[in-house]
ModelCIF file with pLDDT and N, C-alpha, C, O atoms, coordinates in Angstrom:
data_MODEL
#
_entry.id   MODEL 
#
_entity.id                         1 
_entity.type                       polymer 
_entity.pdbx_number_of_molecules   1 
#
_entity_poly.entity_id                      1 
_entity_poly.type                           'polypeptide(L)' 
_entity_poly.nstd_linkage                   no 
_entity_poly.nstd_monomer                   no 
_entity_poly.pdbx_seq_one_letter_code       GIYGTIMGVAVVHAVLSLPVLTLIFRNYYKDIPQEIMSAAIMDSGSFW 
_entity_poly.pdbx_seq_one_letter_code_can   GIYGTIMGVAVVHAVLSLPVLTLIFRNYYKDIPQEIMSAAIMDSGSFW 
_entity_poly.pdbx_strand_id                 A 
#
loop_
_entity_poly_seq.entity_id 
_entity_poly_seq.num 
_entity_poly_seq.mon_id 
_entity_poly_seq.hetero 
1 1  GLY n 
1 2  ILE n 
1 3  TYR n 
1 4  GLY n 
1 5  THR n 
1 6  ILE n 
1 7  MET n 
1 8  GLY n 
1 9  VAL n 
1 10 ALA n 
1 11 VAL n 
1 12 VAL n 
1 13 HIS n 
1 14 ALA n 
1 15 VAL n 
1 16 LEU n 
1 17 SER n 
1 18 LEU n 
1 19 PRO n 
1 20 VAL n 
1 21 LEU n 
1 22 THR n 
1 23 LEU n 
1 24 ILE n 
1 25 PHE n 
1 26 ARG n 
1 27 ASN n 
1 28 TYR n 
1 29 TYR n 
1 30 LYS n 
1 31 ASP n 
1 32 ILE n 
1 33 PRO n 
1 34 GLN n 
1 35 GLU n 
1 36 ILE n 
1 37 MET n 
1 38 SER n 
1 39 ALA n 
1 40 ALA n 
1 41 ILE n 
1 42 MET n 
1 43 ASP n 
1 44 SER n 
1 45 GLY n 
1 46 SER n 
1 47 PHE n 
1 48 TRP n 
#
_struct_asym.id          A 
_struct_asym.entity_id   1 
#
loop_
_ma_qa_metric.id 
_ma_qa_metric.mode 
_ma_qa_metric.name 
_ma_qa_metric.software_group_id 
_ma_qa_metric.type 
1 global pLDDT . pLDDT 
2 local  pLDDT . pLDDT 
#
_ma_qa_metric_global.metric_id      1 
_ma_qa_metric_global.metric_value   88.17 
_ma_qa_metric_global.model_id       1 
_ma_qa_metric_global.ordinal_id     1 
#
loop_
_ma_qa_metric_local.label_asym_id 
_ma_qa_metric_local.label_comp_id 
_ma_qa_metric_local.label_seq_id 
_ma_qa_metric_local.metric_id 
_ma_qa_metric_local.metric_value 
_ma_qa_metric_local.model_id 
_ma_qa_metric_local.ordinal_id 
A GLY 1  2 93.00 1 1  
A ILE 2  2 92.00 1 2  
A TYR 3  2 93.00 1 3  
A GLY 4  2 91.00 1 4  
A THR 5  2 92.00 1 5  
A ILE 6  2 92.00 1 6  
A MET 7  2 93.00 1 7  
A GLY 8  2 93.00 1 8  
A VAL 9  2 94.00 1 9  
A ALA 10 2 94.00 1 10 
A VAL 11 2 94.00 1 11 
A VAL 12 2 94.00 1 12 
A HIS 13 2 94.00 1 13 
A ALA 14 2 93.00 1 14 
A VAL 15 2 91.00 1 15 
A LEU 16 2 92.00 1 16 
A SER 17 2 92.00 1 17 
A LEU 18 2 91.00 1 18 
A PRO 19 2 91.00 1 19 
A VAL 20 2 91.00 1 20 
A LEU 21 2 93.00 1 21 
A THR 22 2 92.00 1 22 
A LEU 23 2 89.00 1 23 
A ILE 24 2 90.00 1 24 
A PHE 25 2 92.00 1 25 
A ARG 26 2 89.00 1 26 
A ASN 27 2 87.00 1 27 
A TYR 28 2 88.00 1 28 
A TYR 29 2 89.00 1 29 
A LYS 30 2 86.00 1 30 
A ASP 31 2 80.00 1 31 
A ILE 32 2 84.00 1 32 
A PRO 33 2 84.00 1 33 
A GLN 34 2 81.00 1 34 
A GLU 35 2 84.00 1 35 
A ILE 36 2 84.00 1 36 
A MET 37 2 83.00 1 37 
A SER 38 2 83.00 1 38 
A ALA 39 2 86.00 1 39 
A ALA 40 2 84.00 1 40 
A ILE 41 2 83.00 1 41 
A MET 42 2 83.00 1 42 
A ASP 43 2 79.00 1 43 
A SER 44 2 71.00 1 44 
A GLY 45 2 75.00 1 45 
A SER 46 2 85.00 1 46 
A PHE 47 2 88.00 1 47 
A TRP 48 2 90.00 1 48 
#
loop_
_atom_site.group_PDB 
_atom_site.id 
_atom_site.type_symbol 
_atom_site.label_atom_id 
_atom_site.label_alt_id 
_atom_site.label_comp_id 
_atom_site.label_asym_id 
_atom_site.label_entity_id 
_atom_site.label_seq_id 
_atom_site.pdbx_PDB_ins_code 
_atom_site.Cartn_x 
_atom_site.Cartn_y 
_atom_site.Cartn_z 
_atom_site.occupancy 
_atom_site.B_iso_or_equiv 
_atom_site.pdbx_formal_charge 
_atom_site.auth_seq_id 
_atom_site.auth_comp_id 
_atom_site.auth_asym_id 
_atom_site.auth_atom_id 
_atom_site.pdbx_PDB_model_num 
ATOM 1   N N  . GLY A 1 1  ? 4.925  115.594 115.066 1.00 93.00 ? 1  GLY A N  1 
ATOM 2   C CA . GLY A 1 1  ? 4.189  114.836 114.460 1.00 93.00 ? 1  GLY A CA 1 
ATOM 3   C C  . GLY A 1 1  ? 4.424  113.387 115.036 1.00 93.00 ? 1  GLY A C  1 
ATOM 4   O O  . GLY A 1 1  ? 4.157  112.422 114.320 1.00 93.00 ? 1  GLY A O  1 
ATOM 5   N N  . ILE A 1 2  ? 4.936  113.203 116.360 1.00 92.00 ? 2  ILE A N  1 
ATOM 6   C CA . ILE A 1 2  ? 5.221  111.988 117.163 1.00 92.00 ? 2  ILE A CA 1 
ATOM 7   C C  . ILE A 1 2  ? 4.293  111.742 118.147 1.00 92.00 ? 2  ILE A C  1 
ATOM 8   O O  . ILE A 1 2  ? 4.379  110.669 118.743 1.00 92.00 ? 2  ILE A O  1 
ATOM 9   N N  . TYR A 1 3  ? 3.332  112.599 118.469 1.00 93.00 ? 3  TYR A N  1 
ATOM 10  C CA . TYR A 1 3  ? 2.246  112.314 119.311 1.00 93.00 ? 3  TYR A CA 1 
ATOM 11  C C  . TYR A 1 3  ? 1.631  111.234 119.279 1.00 93.00 ? 3  TYR A C  1 
ATOM 12  O O  . TYR A 1 3  ? 1.146  110.961 118.181 1.00 93.00 ? 3  TYR A O  1 
ATOM 13  N N  . GLY A 1 4  ? 1.462  110.460 120.151 1.00 91.00 ? 4  GLY A N  1 
ATOM 14  C CA . GLY A 1 4  ? 0.620  109.184 119.989 1.00 91.00 ? 4  GLY A CA 1 
ATOM 15  C C  . GLY A 1 4  ? 1.484  108.023 119.511 1.00 91.00 ? 4  GLY A C  1 
ATOM 16  O O  . GLY A 1 4  ? 0.972  106.921 119.313 1.00 91.00 ? 4  GLY A O  1 
ATOM 17  N N  . THR A 1 5  ? 2.769  108.243 119.324 1.00 92.00 ? 5  THR A N  1 
ATOM 18  C CA . THR A 1 5  ? 3.708  107.035 118.814 1.00 92.00 ? 5  THR A CA 1 
ATOM 19  C C  . THR A 1 5  ? 4.384  106.455 119.720 1.00 92.00 ? 5  THR A C  1 
ATOM 20  O O  . THR A 1 5  ? 4.363  106.912 120.863 1.00 92.00 ? 5  THR A O  1 
ATOM 21  N N  . ILE A 1 6  ? 5.016  105.494 119.452 1.00 92.00 ? 6  ILE A N  1 
ATOM 22  C CA . ILE A 1 6  ? 6.182  104.978 120.524 1.00 92.00 ? 6  ILE A CA 1 
ATOM 23  C C  . ILE A 1 6  ? 7.407  105.793 120.464 1.00 92.00 ? 6  ILE A C  1 
ATOM 24  O O  . ILE A 1 6  ? 8.109  105.850 121.473 1.00 92.00 ? 6  ILE A O  1 
ATOM 25  N N  . MET A 1 7  ? 7.719  106.382 119.481 1.00 93.00 ? 7  MET A N  1 
ATOM 26  C CA . MET A 1 7  ? 9.064  107.282 119.369 1.00 93.00 ? 7  MET A CA 1 
ATOM 27  C C  . MET A 1 7  ? 8.591  108.488 120.306 1.00 93.00 ? 7  MET A C  1 
ATOM 28  O O  . MET A 1 7  ? 9.421  108.918 121.107 1.00 93.00 ? 7  MET A O  1 
ATOM 29  N N  . GLY A 1 8  ? 7.262  109.091 120.266 1.00 93.00 ? 8  GLY A N  1 
ATOM 30  C CA . GLY A 1 8  ? 7.078  110.117 121.067 1.00 93.00 ? 8  GLY A CA 1 
ATOM 31  C C  . GLY A 1 8  ? 7.066  109.874 122.558 1.00 93.00 ? 8  GLY A C  1 
ATOM 32  O O  . GLY A 1 8  ? 7.413  110.787 123.306 1.00 93.00 ? 8  GLY A O  1 
ATOM 33  N N  . VAL A 1 9  ? 6.699  108.733 123.028 1.00 94.00 ? 9  VAL A N  1 
ATOM 34  C CA . VAL A 1 9  ? 6.863  108.332 124.493 1.00 94.00 ? 9  VAL A CA 1 
ATOM 35  C C  . VAL A 1 9  ? 8.195  108.421 124.715 1.00 94.00 ? 9  VAL A C  1 
ATOM 36  O O  . VAL A 1 9  ? 8.570  109.146 125.636 1.00 94.00 ? 9  VAL A O  1 
ATOM 37  N N  . ALA A 1 10 ? 9.118  107.735 123.952 1.00 94.00 ? 10 ALA A N  1 
ATOM 38  C CA . ALA A 1 10 ? 10.735 107.369 124.165 1.00 94.00 ? 10 ALA A CA 1 
ATOM 39  C C  . ALA A 1 10 ? 11.355 108.915 124.029 1.00 94.00 ? 10 ALA A C  1 
ATOM 40  O O  . ALA A 1 10 ? 12.190 109.272 124.859 1.00 94.00 ? 10 ALA A O  1 
ATOM 41  N N  . VAL A 1 11 ? 10.941 109.806 122.989 1.00 94.00 ? 11 VAL A N  1 
ATOM 42  C CA . VAL A 1 11 ? 11.371 111.148 123.441 1.00 94.00 ? 11 VAL A CA 1 
ATOM 43  C C  . VAL A 1 11 ? 11.208 111.803 124.388 1.00 94.00 ? 11 VAL A C  1 
ATOM 44  O O  . VAL A 1 11 ? 12.124 112.544 124.744 1.00 94.00 ? 11 VAL A O  1 
ATOM 45  N N  . VAL A 1 12 ? 10.078 111.757 125.063 1.00 94.00 ? 12 VAL A N  1 
ATOM 46  C CA . VAL A 1 12 ? 9.484  112.223 126.378 1.00 94.00 ? 12 VAL A CA 1 
ATOM 47  C C  . VAL A 1 12 ? 10.587 111.923 127.654 1.00 94.00 ? 12 VAL A C  1 
ATOM 48  O O  . VAL A 1 12 ? 11.179 112.699 128.405 1.00 94.00 ? 12 VAL A O  1 
ATOM 49  N N  . HIS A 1 13 ? 10.584 110.420 127.545 1.00 94.00 ? 13 HIS A N  1 
ATOM 50  C CA . HIS A 1 13 ? 11.186 109.816 128.488 1.00 94.00 ? 13 HIS A CA 1 
ATOM 51  C C  . HIS A 1 13 ? 12.890 110.449 128.380 1.00 94.00 ? 13 HIS A C  1 
ATOM 52  O O  . HIS A 1 13 ? 13.590 110.737 129.351 1.00 94.00 ? 13 HIS A O  1 
ATOM 53  N N  . ALA A 1 14 ? 13.177 110.527 127.317 1.00 93.00 ? 14 ALA A N  1 
ATOM 54  C CA . ALA A 1 14 ? 14.563 110.978 127.119 1.00 93.00 ? 14 ALA A CA 1 
ATOM 55  C C  . ALA A 1 14 ? 14.570 112.367 127.848 1.00 93.00 ? 14 ALA A C  1 
ATOM 56  O O  . ALA A 1 14 ? 15.222 112.614 128.863 1.00 93.00 ? 14 ALA A O  1 
ATOM 57  N N  . VAL A 1 15 ? 13.730 113.256 127.165 1.00 91.00 ? 15 VAL A N  1 
ATOM 58  C CA . VAL A 1 15 ? 13.904 114.835 127.528 1.00 91.00 ? 15 VAL A CA 1 
ATOM 59  C C  . VAL A 1 15 ? 13.831 114.886 129.209 1.00 91.00 ? 15 VAL A C  1 
ATOM 60  O O  . VAL A 1 15 ? 14.570 115.643 129.838 1.00 91.00 ? 15 VAL A O  1 
ATOM 61  N N  . LEU A 1 16 ? 12.946 114.078 129.809 1.00 92.00 ? 16 LEU A N  1 
ATOM 62  C CA . LEU A 1 16 ? 12.719 114.245 131.205 1.00 92.00 ? 16 LEU A CA 1 
ATOM 63  C C  . LEU A 1 16 ? 13.732 113.470 132.024 1.00 92.00 ? 16 LEU A C  1 
ATOM 64  O O  . LEU A 1 16 ? 13.598 113.536 133.246 1.00 92.00 ? 16 LEU A O  1 
ATOM 65  N N  . SER A 1 17 ? 14.615 112.827 131.586 1.00 92.00 ? 17 SER A N  1 
ATOM 66  C CA . SER A 1 17 ? 15.578 112.193 132.272 1.00 92.00 ? 17 SER A CA 1 
ATOM 67  C C  . SER A 1 17 ? 16.974 112.915 132.172 1.00 92.00 ? 17 SER A C  1 
ATOM 68  O O  . SER A 1 17 ? 17.870 112.924 133.016 1.00 92.00 ? 17 SER A O  1 
ATOM 69  N N  . LEU A 1 18 ? 16.938 113.547 130.877 1.00 91.00 ? 18 LEU A N  1 
ATOM 70  C CA . LEU A 1 18 ? 18.332 114.128 130.749 1.00 91.00 ? 18 LEU A CA 1 
ATOM 71  C C  . LEU A 1 18 ? 19.013 114.970 131.776 1.00 91.00 ? 18 LEU A C  1 
ATOM 72  O O  . LEU A 1 18 ? 20.163 114.612 132.032 1.00 91.00 ? 18 LEU A O  1 
ATOM 73  N N  . PRO A 1 19 ? 18.539 116.053 132.447 1.00 91.00 ? 19 PRO A N  1 
ATOM 74  C CA . PRO A 1 19 ? 19.077 116.593 133.452 1.00 91.00 ? 19 PRO A CA 1 
ATOM 75  C C  . PRO A 1 19 ? 19.661 115.735 134.742 1.00 91.00 ? 19 PRO A C  1 
ATOM 76  O O  . PRO A 1 19 ? 20.806 115.837 135.184 1.00 91.00 ? 19 PRO A O  1 
ATOM 77  N N  . VAL A 1 20 ? 18.814 115.031 135.151 1.00 91.00 ? 20 VAL A N  1 
ATOM 78  C CA . VAL A 1 20 ? 19.444 114.099 136.189 1.00 91.00 ? 20 VAL A CA 1 
ATOM 79  C C  . VAL A 1 20 ? 20.685 113.376 135.701 1.00 91.00 ? 20 VAL A C  1 
ATOM 80  O O  . VAL A 1 20 ? 21.723 113.495 136.352 1.00 91.00 ? 20 VAL A O  1 
ATOM 81  N N  . LEU A 1 21 ? 20.652 112.608 134.565 1.00 93.00 ? 21 LEU A N  1 
ATOM 82  C CA . LEU A 1 21 ? 21.509 111.598 133.961 1.00 93.00 ? 21 LEU A CA 1 
ATOM 83  C C  . LEU A 1 21 ? 22.844 112.400 133.781 1.00 93.00 ? 21 LEU A C  1 
ATOM 84  O O  . LEU A 1 21 ? 23.963 112.039 134.147 1.00 93.00 ? 21 LEU A O  1 
ATOM 85  N N  . THR A 1 22 ? 22.497 113.567 133.141 1.00 92.00 ? 22 THR A N  1 
ATOM 86  C CA . THR A 1 22 ? 23.990 114.542 132.872 1.00 92.00 ? 22 THR A CA 1 
ATOM 87  C C  . THR A 1 22 ? 24.418 115.079 134.134 1.00 92.00 ? 22 THR A C  1 
ATOM 88  O O  . THR A 1 22 ? 25.636 115.237 134.219 1.00 92.00 ? 22 THR A O  1 
ATOM 89  N N  . LEU A 1 23 ? 23.757 115.389 135.104 1.00 89.00 ? 23 LEU A N  1 
ATOM 90  C CA . LEU A 1 23 ? 24.454 115.713 136.478 1.00 89.00 ? 23 LEU A CA 1 
ATOM 91  C C  . LEU A 1 23 ? 25.348 114.399 137.018 1.00 89.00 ? 23 LEU A C  1 
ATOM 92  O O  . LEU A 1 23 ? 26.449 114.474 137.562 1.00 89.00 ? 23 LEU A O  1 
ATOM 93  N N  . ILE A 1 24 ? 24.500 113.028 136.694 1.00 90.00 ? 24 ILE A N  1 
ATOM 94  C CA . ILE A 1 24 ? 25.191 112.016 137.396 1.00 90.00 ? 24 ILE A CA 1 
ATOM 95  C C  . ILE A 1 24 ? 26.710 111.884 136.642 1.00 90.00 ? 24 ILE A C  1 
ATOM 96  O O  . ILE A 1 24 ? 27.771 111.922 137.264 1.00 90.00 ? 24 ILE A O  1 
ATOM 97  N N  . PHE A 1 25 ? 26.602 111.740 135.330 1.00 92.00 ? 25 PHE A N  1 
ATOM 98  C CA . PHE A 1 25 ? 27.690 111.424 134.460 1.00 92.00 ? 25 PHE A CA 1 
ATOM 99  C C  . PHE A 1 25 ? 28.870 112.790 134.803 1.00 92.00 ? 25 PHE A C  1 
ATOM 100 O O  . PHE A 1 25 ? 30.075 112.613 134.981 1.00 92.00 ? 25 PHE A O  1 
ATOM 101 N N  . ARG A 1 26 ? 28.242 113.984 134.829 1.00 89.00 ? 26 ARG A N  1 
ATOM 102 C CA . ARG A 1 26 ? 29.257 115.037 135.039 1.00 89.00 ? 26 ARG A CA 1 
ATOM 103 C C  . ARG A 1 26 ? 29.969 114.764 136.399 1.00 89.00 ? 26 ARG A C  1 
ATOM 104 O O  . ARG A 1 26 ? 31.190 114.865 136.515 1.00 89.00 ? 26 ARG A O  1 
ATOM 105 N N  . ASN A 1 27 ? 29.118 114.405 137.445 1.00 87.00 ? 27 ASN A N  1 
ATOM 106 C CA . ASN A 1 27 ? 30.058 114.233 138.944 1.00 87.00 ? 27 ASN A CA 1 
ATOM 107 C C  . ASN A 1 27 ? 30.765 113.062 138.764 1.00 87.00 ? 27 ASN A C  1 
ATOM 108 O O  . ASN A 1 27 ? 31.742 112.959 139.505 1.00 87.00 ? 27 ASN A O  1 
ATOM 109 N N  . TYR A 1 28 ? 30.537 112.017 137.892 1.00 88.00 ? 28 TYR A N  1 
ATOM 110 C CA . TYR A 1 28 ? 31.449 110.842 137.787 1.00 88.00 ? 28 TYR A CA 1 
ATOM 111 C C  . TYR A 1 28 ? 32.723 111.300 137.187 1.00 88.00 ? 28 TYR A C  1 
ATOM 112 O O  . TYR A 1 28 ? 33.804 110.882 137.602 1.00 88.00 ? 28 TYR A O  1 
ATOM 113 N N  . TYR A 1 29 ? 32.624 112.091 136.286 1.00 89.00 ? 29 TYR A N  1 
ATOM 114 C CA . TYR A 1 29 ? 33.904 112.322 135.183 1.00 89.00 ? 29 TYR A CA 1 
ATOM 115 C C  . TYR A 1 29 ? 34.626 113.653 136.078 1.00 89.00 ? 29 TYR A C  1 
ATOM 116 O O  . TYR A 1 29 ? 35.814 113.843 135.817 1.00 89.00 ? 29 TYR A O  1 
ATOM 117 N N  . LYS A 1 30 ? 34.148 114.346 136.850 1.00 86.00 ? 30 LYS A N  1 
ATOM 118 C CA . LYS A 1 30 ? 34.738 115.693 137.086 1.00 86.00 ? 30 LYS A CA 1 
ATOM 119 C C  . LYS A 1 30 ? 36.154 115.294 137.855 1.00 86.00 ? 30 LYS A C  1 
ATOM 120 O O  . LYS A 1 30 ? 37.076 116.105 137.769 1.00 86.00 ? 30 LYS A O  1 
ATOM 121 N N  . ASP A 1 31 ? 36.332 114.193 138.527 1.00 80.00 ? 31 ASP A N  1 
ATOM 122 C CA . ASP A 1 31 ? 37.496 113.954 139.428 1.00 80.00 ? 31 ASP A CA 1 
ATOM 123 C C  . ASP A 1 31 ? 38.566 113.245 138.495 1.00 80.00 ? 31 ASP A C  1 
ATOM 124 O O  . ASP A 1 31 ? 39.628 112.905 139.015 1.00 80.00 ? 31 ASP A O  1 
ATOM 125 N N  . ILE A 1 32 ? 38.362 113.019 137.234 1.00 84.00 ? 32 ILE A N  1 
ATOM 126 C CA . ILE A 1 32 ? 39.427 112.278 136.461 1.00 84.00 ? 32 ILE A CA 1 
ATOM 127 C C  . ILE A 1 32 ? 40.456 113.133 136.228 1.00 84.00 ? 32 ILE A C  1 
ATOM 128 O O  . ILE A 1 32 ? 40.218 114.207 135.675 1.00 84.00 ? 32 ILE A O  1 
ATOM 129 N N  . PRO A 1 33 ? 41.870 112.759 136.646 1.00 84.00 ? 33 PRO A N  1 
ATOM 130 C CA . PRO A 1 33 ? 42.997 113.810 136.619 1.00 84.00 ? 33 PRO A CA 1 
ATOM 131 C C  . PRO A 1 33 ? 43.039 114.538 135.363 1.00 84.00 ? 33 PRO A C  1 
ATOM 132 O O  . PRO A 1 33 ? 42.705 113.948 134.336 1.00 84.00 ? 33 PRO A O  1 
ATOM 133 N N  . GLN A 1 34 ? 43.457 115.904 135.318 1.00 81.00 ? 34 GLN A N  1 
ATOM 134 C CA . GLN A 1 34 ? 43.611 116.642 134.118 1.00 81.00 ? 34 GLN A CA 1 
ATOM 135 C C  . GLN A 1 34 ? 44.795 116.363 133.462 1.00 81.00 ? 34 GLN A C  1 
ATOM 136 O O  . GLN A 1 34 ? 44.963 116.728 132.298 1.00 81.00 ? 34 GLN A O  1 
ATOM 137 N N  . GLU A 1 35 ? 45.628 115.759 134.080 1.00 84.00 ? 35 GLU A N  1 
ATOM 138 C CA . GLU A 1 35 ? 46.866 115.233 133.407 1.00 84.00 ? 35 GLU A CA 1 
ATOM 139 C C  . GLU A 1 35 ? 46.591 114.319 132.423 1.00 84.00 ? 35 GLU A C  1 
ATOM 140 O O  . GLU A 1 35 ? 47.299 114.346 131.416 1.00 84.00 ? 35 GLU A O  1 
ATOM 141 N N  . ILE A 1 36 ? 45.532 113.357 132.526 1.00 84.00 ? 36 ILE A N  1 
ATOM 142 C CA . ILE A 1 36 ? 45.216 112.299 131.485 1.00 84.00 ? 36 ILE A CA 1 
ATOM 143 C C  . ILE A 1 36 ? 44.481 113.043 130.314 1.00 84.00 ? 36 ILE A C  1 
ATOM 144 O O  . ILE A 1 36 ? 44.490 112.475 129.221 1.00 84.00 ? 36 ILE A O  1 
ATOM 145 N N  . MET A 1 37 ? 43.909 114.133 130.416 1.00 83.00 ? 37 MET A N  1 
ATOM 146 C CA . MET A 1 37 ? 43.144 114.975 129.295 1.00 83.00 ? 37 MET A CA 1 
ATOM 147 C C  . MET A 1 37 ? 44.310 115.505 128.710 1.00 83.00 ? 37 MET A C  1 
ATOM 148 O O  . MET A 1 37 ? 44.435 115.318 127.500 1.00 83.00 ? 37 MET A O  1 
ATOM 149 N N  . SER A 1 38 ? 45.308 116.207 129.383 1.00 83.00 ? 38 SER A N  1 
ATOM 150 C CA . SER A 1 38 ? 46.271 116.965 128.735 1.00 83.00 ? 38 SER A CA 1 
ATOM 151 C C  . SER A 1 38 ? 46.972 116.038 128.130 1.00 83.00 ? 38 SER A C  1 
ATOM 152 O O  . SER A 1 38 ? 47.152 116.383 126.963 1.00 83.00 ? 38 SER A O  1 
ATOM 153 N N  . ALA A 1 39 ? 47.421 115.093 128.349 1.00 86.00 ? 39 ALA A N  1 
ATOM 154 C CA . ALA A 1 39 ? 47.994 113.898 127.596 1.00 86.00 ? 39 ALA A CA 1 
ATOM 155 C C  . ALA A 1 39 ? 47.542 113.256 126.510 1.00 86.00 ? 39 ALA A C  1 
ATOM 156 O O  . ALA A 1 39 ? 48.230 112.675 125.671 1.00 86.00 ? 39 ALA A O  1 
ATOM 157 N N  . ALA A 1 40 ? 46.029 113.401 126.543 1.00 84.00 ? 40 ALA A N  1 
ATOM 158 C CA . ALA A 1 40 ? 45.485 113.053 125.287 1.00 84.00 ? 40 ALA A CA 1 
ATOM 159 C C  . ALA A 1 40 ? 45.379 114.015 124.134 1.00 84.00 ? 40 ALA A C  1 
ATOM 160 O O  . ALA A 1 40 ? 45.486 113.684 122.954 1.00 84.00 ? 40 ALA A O  1 
ATOM 161 N N  . ILE A 1 41 ? 45.133 115.370 124.627 1.00 83.00 ? 41 ILE A N  1 
ATOM 162 C CA . ILE A 1 41 ? 45.047 116.372 123.767 1.00 83.00 ? 41 ILE A CA 1 
ATOM 163 C C  . ILE A 1 41 ? 46.486 116.270 123.071 1.00 83.00 ? 41 ILE A C  1 
ATOM 164 O O  . ILE A 1 41 ? 46.518 116.089 121.854 1.00 83.00 ? 41 ILE A O  1 
ATOM 165 N N  . MET A 1 42 ? 47.565 116.369 123.730 1.00 83.00 ? 42 MET A N  1 
ATOM 166 C CA . MET A 1 42 ? 48.877 116.315 123.128 1.00 83.00 ? 42 MET A CA 1 
ATOM 167 C C  . MET A 1 42 ? 49.227 115.484 122.119 1.00 83.00 ? 42 MET A C  1 
ATOM 168 O O  . MET A 1 42 ? 49.987 115.694 121.174 1.00 83.00 ? 42 MET A O  1 
ATOM 169 N N  . ASP A 1 43 ? 48.449 114.287 122.476 1.00 79.00 ? 43 ASP A N  1 
ATOM 170 C CA . ASP A 1 43 ? 48.854 113.201 121.449 1.00 79.00 ? 43 ASP A CA 1 
ATOM 171 C C  . ASP A 1 43 ? 47.770 113.422 120.225 1.00 79.00 ? 43 ASP A C  1 
ATOM 172 O O  . ASP A 1 43 ? 47.570 112.451 119.495 1.00 79.00 ? 43 ASP A O  1 
ATOM 173 N N  . SER A 1 44 ? 47.119 114.550 119.985 1.00 71.00 ? 44 SER A N  1 
ATOM 174 C CA . SER A 1 44 ? 46.469 114.886 118.962 1.00 71.00 ? 44 SER A CA 1 
ATOM 175 C C  . SER A 1 44 ? 45.022 114.303 119.065 1.00 71.00 ? 44 SER A C  1 
ATOM 176 O O  . SER A 1 44 ? 44.403 114.092 118.022 1.00 71.00 ? 44 SER A O  1 
ATOM 177 N N  . GLY A 1 45 ? 44.516 114.062 120.154 1.00 75.00 ? 45 GLY A N  1 
ATOM 178 C CA . GLY A 1 45 ? 43.325 113.519 120.360 1.00 75.00 ? 45 GLY A CA 1 
ATOM 179 C C  . GLY A 1 45 ? 42.221 114.408 120.566 1.00 75.00 ? 45 GLY A C  1 
ATOM 180 O O  . GLY A 1 45 ? 42.183 115.320 121.392 1.00 75.00 ? 45 GLY A O  1 
ATOM 181 N N  . SER A 1 46 ? 41.095 113.994 119.545 1.00 85.00 ? 46 SER A N  1 
ATOM 182 C CA . SER A 1 46 ? 40.024 114.927 119.475 1.00 85.00 ? 46 SER A CA 1 
ATOM 183 C C  . SER A 1 46 ? 38.904 114.725 120.641 1.00 85.00 ? 46 SER A C  1 
ATOM 184 O O  . SER A 1 46 ? 38.848 113.765 121.409 1.00 85.00 ? 46 SER A O  1 
ATOM 185 N N  . PHE A 1 47 ? 38.030 115.836 120.602 1.00 88.00 ? 47 PHE A N  1 
ATOM 186 C CA . PHE A 1 47 ? 36.889 115.277 121.462 1.00 88.00 ? 47 PHE A CA 1 
ATOM 187 C C  . PHE A 1 47 ? 36.338 114.004 121.521 1.00 88.00 ? 47 PHE A C  1 
ATOM 188 O O  . PHE A 1 47 ? 36.164 113.366 122.559 1.00 88.00 ? 47 PHE A O  1 
ATOM 189 N N  . TRP A 1 48 ? 35.996 113.550 120.111 1.00 90.00 ? 48 TRP A N  1 
ATOM 190 C CA . TRP A 1 48 ? 35.456 112.334 120.149 1.00 90.00 ? 48 TRP A CA 1 
ATOM 191 C C  . TRP A 1 48 ? 36.292 111.248 120.270 1.00 90.00 ? 48 TRP A C  1 
ATOM 192 O O  . TRP A 1 48 ? 35.824 110.110 120.307 1.00 90.00 ? 48 TRP A O  1 
#
């Protein structure tokens, strides 16, 4: 029900850009030291 609407155009843009942007963010974050993540988890850090 969003074809021909502004939200429909926005959703299509988001869907088409998601693969490339996800790869960009993943490559940026992948070399963050695992020790930082381990320390955060030990301090009761949740995902969010």
